[in-house]
N, C-alpha and C. Protein backbone atom coordinates (compact mmCIF):
# COMPACT_ATOMS: atom_id res chain seq x y z
N UNK A 1 0.16 -11.08 -17.41
CA UNK A 1 -0.07 -10.00 -16.72
C UNK A 1 -2.50 -9.52 -17.35
N UNK A 2 -3.25 -9.39 -16.14
CA UNK A 2 -4.41 -9.46 -16.84
C UNK A 2 -5.13 -8.07 -15.56
N UNK A 3 -6.25 -7.85 -15.87
CA UNK A 3 -6.85 -7.01 -15.11
C UNK A 3 -8.38 -7.71 -15.31
N UNK A 4 -9.23 -7.78 -14.29
CA UNK A 4 -10.35 -8.41 -13.76
C UNK A 4 -11.20 -7.34 -12.98
N UNK A 5 -12.49 -7.54 -13.31
CA UNK A 5 -13.45 -6.80 -11.94
C UNK A 5 -13.73 -7.55 -11.04
N UNK A 6 -13.90 -7.53 -9.86
CA UNK A 6 -14.36 -8.27 -9.14
C UNK A 6 -16.00 -8.60 -9.10
N UNK A 7 -15.96 -10.12 -9.28
CA UNK A 7 -17.09 -10.62 -9.34
C UNK A 7 -17.50 -11.04 -10.69
N UNK A 8 -16.53 -10.53 -12.02
CA UNK A 8 -16.75 -10.82 -13.31
C UNK A 8 -15.97 -12.20 -13.34
N UNK A 9 -16.77 -13.05 -14.63
CA UNK A 9 -15.82 -14.10 -14.69
C UNK A 9 -15.61 -13.75 -16.16
N UNK A 10 -15.19 -12.75 -16.52
CA UNK A 10 -14.20 -12.27 -17.81
C UNK A 10 -13.12 -11.35 -17.58
N UNK A 11 -12.24 -11.85 -18.03
CA UNK A 11 -11.15 -10.46 -17.58
C UNK A 11 -11.38 -9.90 -18.63
N UNK A 12 -10.89 -8.44 -18.25
CA UNK A 12 -11.25 -6.93 -18.91
C UNK A 12 -10.05 -7.12 -20.00
N UNK A 13 -8.77 -6.99 -19.60
CA UNK A 13 -7.49 -7.29 -20.65
C UNK A 13 -6.63 -8.55 -19.87
N UNK A 14 -6.10 -9.14 -21.10
CA UNK A 14 -5.42 -10.76 -21.24
C UNK A 14 -4.39 -9.71 -21.73
N UNK A 15 -2.72 -9.41 -21.73
CA UNK A 15 -1.78 -8.80 -22.09
C UNK A 15 -2.34 -7.93 -22.71
N UNK A 16 -2.37 -7.63 -23.77
CA UNK A 16 -2.77 -6.16 -24.63
C UNK A 16 -3.77 -6.33 -24.97
N UNK A 17 -4.50 -7.73 -25.23
CA UNK A 17 -5.83 -7.73 -25.79
C UNK A 17 -6.95 -7.40 -24.58
N UNK A 18 -8.18 -6.62 -25.11
CA UNK A 18 -9.13 -6.19 -24.61
C UNK A 18 -10.53 -6.68 -24.52
N UNK A 19 -11.13 -6.63 -23.25
CA UNK A 19 -12.44 -7.14 -23.77
C UNK A 19 -13.22 -6.25 -24.43
N UNK A 20 -13.37 -5.05 -24.38
CA UNK A 20 -13.94 -4.07 -24.81
C UNK A 20 -13.30 -3.00 -25.58
N UNK A 21 -13.73 -1.98 -26.15
CA UNK A 21 -13.13 -0.65 -26.58
C UNK A 21 -13.11 0.27 -25.72
N UNK A 22 -13.77 -0.07 -24.63
CA UNK A 22 -13.51 0.81 -23.54
C UNK A 22 -12.43 0.78 -22.28
N UNK A 23 -11.57 -0.26 -22.70
CA UNK A 23 -10.94 -0.61 -21.57
C UNK A 23 -9.79 -0.42 -22.49
N UNK A 24 -8.29 -0.40 -22.06
CA UNK A 24 -6.82 -0.23 -22.70
C UNK A 24 -5.89 -0.48 -21.71
N UNK A 25 -4.95 -0.41 -22.18
CA UNK A 25 -3.45 -0.77 -21.41
C UNK A 25 -2.41 0.38 -21.70
N UNK A 26 -1.97 1.37 -20.79
CA UNK A 26 -0.71 2.29 -20.92
C UNK A 26 0.04 1.78 -20.34
N UNK A 27 1.37 1.40 -21.40
CA UNK A 27 2.42 0.88 -21.16
C UNK A 27 3.34 1.76 -21.13
N UNK A 28 3.22 2.93 -21.21
CA UNK A 28 4.19 4.21 -21.32
C UNK A 28 5.33 4.19 -20.10
N UNK A 29 5.14 3.77 -19.27
CA UNK A 29 6.07 3.42 -17.70
C UNK A 29 6.10 2.01 -18.34
N UNK A 30 7.44 1.20 -18.34
CA UNK A 30 7.78 -0.17 -18.76
C UNK A 30 7.75 -0.97 -17.56
N UNK A 31 7.50 -0.24 -16.49
CA UNK A 31 7.23 -0.72 -14.88
C UNK A 31 5.75 -0.71 -14.54
N UNK A 32 4.92 -0.44 -15.09
CA UNK A 32 3.57 -0.26 -14.86
C UNK A 32 2.58 -0.71 -16.16
N UNK A 33 1.16 -1.33 -15.66
CA UNK A 33 0.40 -1.69 -16.52
C UNK A 33 -0.82 -0.90 -16.13
N UNK A 34 -0.87 0.17 -17.14
CA UNK A 34 -2.25 1.08 -16.27
C UNK A 34 -3.45 -0.07 -17.19
N UNK A 35 -4.46 0.24 -16.27
CA UNK A 35 -5.94 0.15 -16.55
C UNK A 35 -6.57 1.52 -16.94
N UNK A 36 -6.80 1.80 -18.35
CA UNK A 36 -7.61 2.77 -18.79
C UNK A 36 -9.01 2.86 -18.95
N UNK A 37 -9.69 2.78 -18.56
CA UNK A 37 -11.26 2.71 -18.69
C UNK A 37 -11.84 4.29 -19.72
N UNK A 38 -12.34 4.37 -20.02
CA UNK A 38 -13.26 5.13 -20.90
C UNK A 38 -14.44 5.58 -20.77
N UNK A 39 -15.22 6.80 -21.09
CA UNK A 39 -16.53 6.56 -20.79
C UNK A 39 -17.16 6.02 -19.78
N UNK A 40 -16.22 6.71 -18.27
CA UNK A 40 -16.47 6.25 -17.06
C UNK A 40 -18.28 6.30 -16.40
N UNK A 41 -18.70 5.32 -16.15
CA UNK A 41 -20.29 5.59 -15.54
C UNK A 41 -20.39 5.19 -14.29
N UNK A 42 -21.43 5.82 -13.13
CA UNK A 42 -21.39 4.95 -12.01
C UNK A 42 -21.44 3.64 -11.90
N UNK A 43 -21.47 2.98 -12.89
CA UNK A 43 -21.64 1.14 -13.05
C UNK A 43 -20.21 0.80 -12.69
N UNK A 44 -19.15 1.36 -13.08
CA UNK A 44 -17.49 1.43 -13.00
C UNK A 44 -17.50 1.10 -11.76
N UNK A 45 -17.88 1.47 -10.68
CA UNK A 45 -17.73 1.69 -9.46
C UNK A 45 -17.44 0.13 -9.16
N UNK A 46 -16.25 -0.04 -8.16
CA UNK A 46 -15.89 -1.42 -7.82
C UNK A 46 -14.72 -1.88 -7.24
N UNK A 47 -14.65 -3.09 -7.29
CA UNK A 47 -12.94 -3.78 -7.15
C UNK A 47 -12.74 -4.15 -8.45
N UNK A 48 -11.31 -3.55 -8.93
CA UNK A 48 -10.50 -4.01 -9.77
C UNK A 48 -9.25 -5.11 -9.43
N UNK A 49 -8.69 -5.98 -9.74
CA UNK A 49 -7.31 -7.01 -9.56
C UNK A 49 -6.96 -6.78 -10.94
N UNK A 50 -5.43 -6.23 -10.47
CA UNK A 50 -4.52 -6.51 -11.23
C UNK A 50 -3.43 -7.70 -11.08
N UNK A 51 -3.49 -9.14 -12.04
CA UNK A 51 -2.72 -10.37 -11.50
C UNK A 51 -1.78 -10.39 -12.74
N UNK A 52 -0.63 -10.95 -11.85
CA UNK A 52 0.29 -10.70 -12.62
C UNK A 52 0.70 -12.94 -12.40
N UNK A 53 1.18 -13.54 -13.26
CA UNK A 53 1.79 -14.94 -12.85
C UNK A 53 2.58 -15.12 -13.78
N UNK A 54 3.79 -14.80 -12.96
CA UNK A 54 5.45 -15.24 -13.71
C UNK A 54 5.40 -16.34 -12.49
N UNK A 55 6.65 -16.35 -11.61
CA UNK A 55 7.09 -17.84 -11.11
C UNK A 55 5.93 -17.95 -9.96
N UNK A 56 5.31 -17.00 -9.63
CA UNK A 56 3.71 -17.32 -8.70
C UNK A 56 2.87 -16.04 -8.69
N UNK A 57 1.54 -16.76 -8.53
CA UNK A 57 1.07 -15.77 -8.86
C UNK A 57 0.79 -14.56 -7.73
N UNK A 58 0.64 -12.92 -8.32
CA UNK A 58 0.70 -11.84 -7.60
C UNK A 58 -0.57 -11.27 -8.23
N UNK A 59 -1.39 -10.76 -7.28
CA UNK A 59 -2.63 -9.85 -7.30
C UNK A 59 -2.50 -8.82 -6.79
N UNK A 60 -3.05 -7.48 -7.08
CA UNK A 60 -3.20 -6.37 -6.47
C UNK A 60 -4.51 -5.82 -6.81
N UNK A 61 -5.17 -5.51 -6.02
CA UNK A 61 -6.86 -5.17 -5.90
C UNK A 61 -6.95 -3.72 -5.30
N UNK A 62 -7.82 -2.96 -6.62
CA UNK A 62 -8.06 -1.65 -6.65
C UNK A 62 -9.34 -1.34 -6.10
N UNK A 63 -9.82 -0.31 -5.18
CA UNK A 63 -11.19 0.16 -5.42
C UNK A 63 -11.42 1.31 -6.30
N UNK A 64 -12.79 1.46 -7.01
CA UNK A 64 -12.79 2.42 -7.56
C UNK A 64 -14.14 3.08 -7.37
N UNK A 65 -13.69 4.36 -7.19
CA UNK A 65 -15.19 4.96 -6.99
C UNK A 65 -15.45 5.89 -7.83
N UNK A 66 -16.48 6.21 -8.16
CA UNK A 66 -17.09 6.99 -9.51
C UNK A 66 -17.57 8.20 -8.96
N UNK A 67 -16.90 9.32 -8.42
CA UNK A 67 -17.52 10.64 -7.77
C UNK A 67 -18.15 11.44 -8.85
N UNK A 68 -17.77 11.32 -10.36
CA UNK A 68 -18.81 12.07 -11.35
C UNK A 68 -18.14 11.15 -12.78
N UNK A 69 -18.89 11.42 -13.34
CA UNK A 69 -19.14 10.55 -14.81
C UNK A 69 -18.30 12.00 -15.53
N UNK A 70 -17.58 11.10 -17.17
CA UNK A 70 -16.89 12.19 -17.75
C UNK A 70 -17.33 11.74 -18.68
N UNK A 71 -17.48 13.06 -19.60
CA UNK A 71 -17.75 13.54 -21.20
C UNK A 71 -17.16 12.10 -22.11
N UNK A 72 -17.72 12.05 -23.14
CA UNK A 72 -16.80 11.17 -24.38
C UNK A 72 -15.44 11.29 -24.36
N UNK A 73 -14.77 10.96 -24.83
CA UNK A 73 -13.20 10.92 -25.12
C UNK A 73 -12.19 11.19 -24.14
N UNK A 74 -12.71 11.38 -22.86
CA UNK A 74 -12.00 11.45 -21.73
C UNK A 74 -11.46 10.24 -20.65
N UNK A 75 -10.73 10.24 -20.20
CA UNK A 75 -10.27 8.61 -19.99
C UNK A 75 -10.30 8.82 -17.99
N UNK A 76 -10.66 7.47 -17.19
CA UNK A 76 -9.98 7.99 -15.95
C UNK A 76 -8.84 6.66 -15.73
N UNK A 77 -7.77 7.26 -15.40
CA UNK A 77 -6.74 6.28 -15.35
C UNK A 77 -6.74 5.67 -13.62
N UNK A 78 -6.35 4.67 -13.39
CA UNK A 78 -6.01 4.48 -12.37
C UNK A 78 -4.18 3.72 -12.36
N UNK A 79 -3.58 4.25 -11.49
CA UNK A 79 -1.51 4.32 -11.51
C UNK A 79 -1.17 3.90 -10.34
N UNK A 80 -0.85 3.35 -9.98
CA UNK A 80 0.42 3.36 -8.65
C UNK A 80 0.81 4.78 -8.59
N UNK A 81 1.12 5.36 -9.79
CA UNK A 81 1.69 7.13 -9.40
C UNK A 81 0.78 7.59 -8.93
N UNK A 82 -0.55 7.81 -9.38
CA UNK A 82 -1.40 8.61 -9.20
C UNK A 82 -2.61 8.05 -8.73
N UNK A 83 -2.25 7.85 -6.97
CA UNK A 83 -3.37 6.70 -6.56
C UNK A 83 -4.26 7.93 -6.04
N UNK A 84 -4.57 8.97 -6.19
CA UNK A 84 -5.64 9.83 -5.38
C UNK A 84 -6.73 9.56 -5.90
N UNK A 85 -6.94 8.95 -6.73
CA UNK A 85 -8.47 8.31 -7.56
C UNK A 85 -8.69 7.06 -6.73
N UNK A 86 -7.89 6.53 -6.11
CA UNK A 86 -8.22 5.46 -5.20
C UNK A 86 -8.58 5.73 -3.97
N UNK A 87 -9.75 5.30 -3.53
CA UNK A 87 -9.82 4.78 -2.32
C UNK A 87 -9.13 3.78 -1.18
N UNK A 88 -8.97 2.79 -1.69
CA UNK A 88 -8.08 1.90 -0.93
C UNK A 88 -7.43 1.19 -2.18
N UNK A 89 -6.13 0.24 -1.24
CA UNK A 89 -5.51 -0.31 -2.47
C UNK A 89 -5.09 -1.61 -1.92
N UNK A 90 -5.26 -2.85 -2.17
CA UNK A 90 -5.09 -4.75 -1.53
C UNK A 90 -3.96 -4.97 -2.23
N UNK A 91 -3.24 -5.71 -1.78
CA UNK A 91 -2.45 -6.74 -2.27
C UNK A 91 -2.32 -7.79 -1.69
N UNK A 92 -2.14 -9.09 -2.74
CA UNK A 92 -2.45 -10.14 -2.29
C UNK A 92 -1.34 -10.86 -3.14
N UNK A 93 -0.60 -11.81 -2.20
CA UNK A 93 0.58 -12.00 -2.68
C UNK A 93 0.46 -13.90 -2.33
N UNK A 94 -0.16 -14.43 -3.52
CA UNK A 94 -0.69 -16.14 -3.35
C UNK A 94 -1.53 -15.69 -2.54
N UNK A 95 -2.21 -16.44 -1.21
CA UNK A 95 -3.47 -16.36 -0.63
C UNK A 95 -3.36 -15.38 0.50
N UNK A 96 -2.22 -14.69 0.69
CA UNK A 96 -2.52 -13.74 2.07
C UNK A 96 -2.37 -12.35 1.68
N UNK A 97 -3.87 -11.96 1.97
CA UNK A 97 -4.26 -10.55 1.65
C UNK A 97 -3.85 -9.79 2.94
N UNK A 98 -3.30 -8.32 2.71
CA UNK A 98 -3.14 -7.57 3.50
C UNK A 98 -3.94 -5.75 2.90
N UNK A 99 -4.14 -5.00 3.97
CA UNK A 99 -4.75 -3.94 3.34
C UNK A 99 -3.16 -2.82 3.41
N UNK A 100 -3.01 -2.27 2.39
CA UNK A 100 -1.93 -1.01 2.11
C UNK A 100 -2.28 0.39 2.72
N UNK A 101 -2.44 1.13 3.75
CA UNK A 101 -3.08 2.69 3.73
C UNK A 101 -1.88 3.35 3.16
N UNK A 102 -0.99 3.45 2.90
CA UNK A 102 0.09 3.84 2.22
C UNK A 102 0.11 4.59 0.76
N UNK A 103 -0.66 4.15 0.37
CA UNK A 103 -0.87 4.14 -1.33
C UNK A 103 0.27 4.49 -1.99
N UNK A 104 1.55 3.84 -2.06
CA UNK A 104 2.74 4.19 -2.53
C UNK A 104 2.29 4.18 -3.91
């Protein structure tokens, strides 16, 4: 399980390991790996990819828009349960992308 920022050559997270202290994984729900970004800035806006590789590769794409920045010690969480922070959600199973407008 890993999180990527689109256009980056380096993962933000791989399993529980993170590339920077700004990122962490919230595993409080065993069915969800939530990417947490601390000290969010406008430059964090963009597309993020959640990737899992079990028997075959599955990817889920999220577009993050930063409407305002947060003070230190606040975190912005992107979760399936709280999709109000997402503009669009894309799912890709192998090489078949589609746009999911329901934000399940």
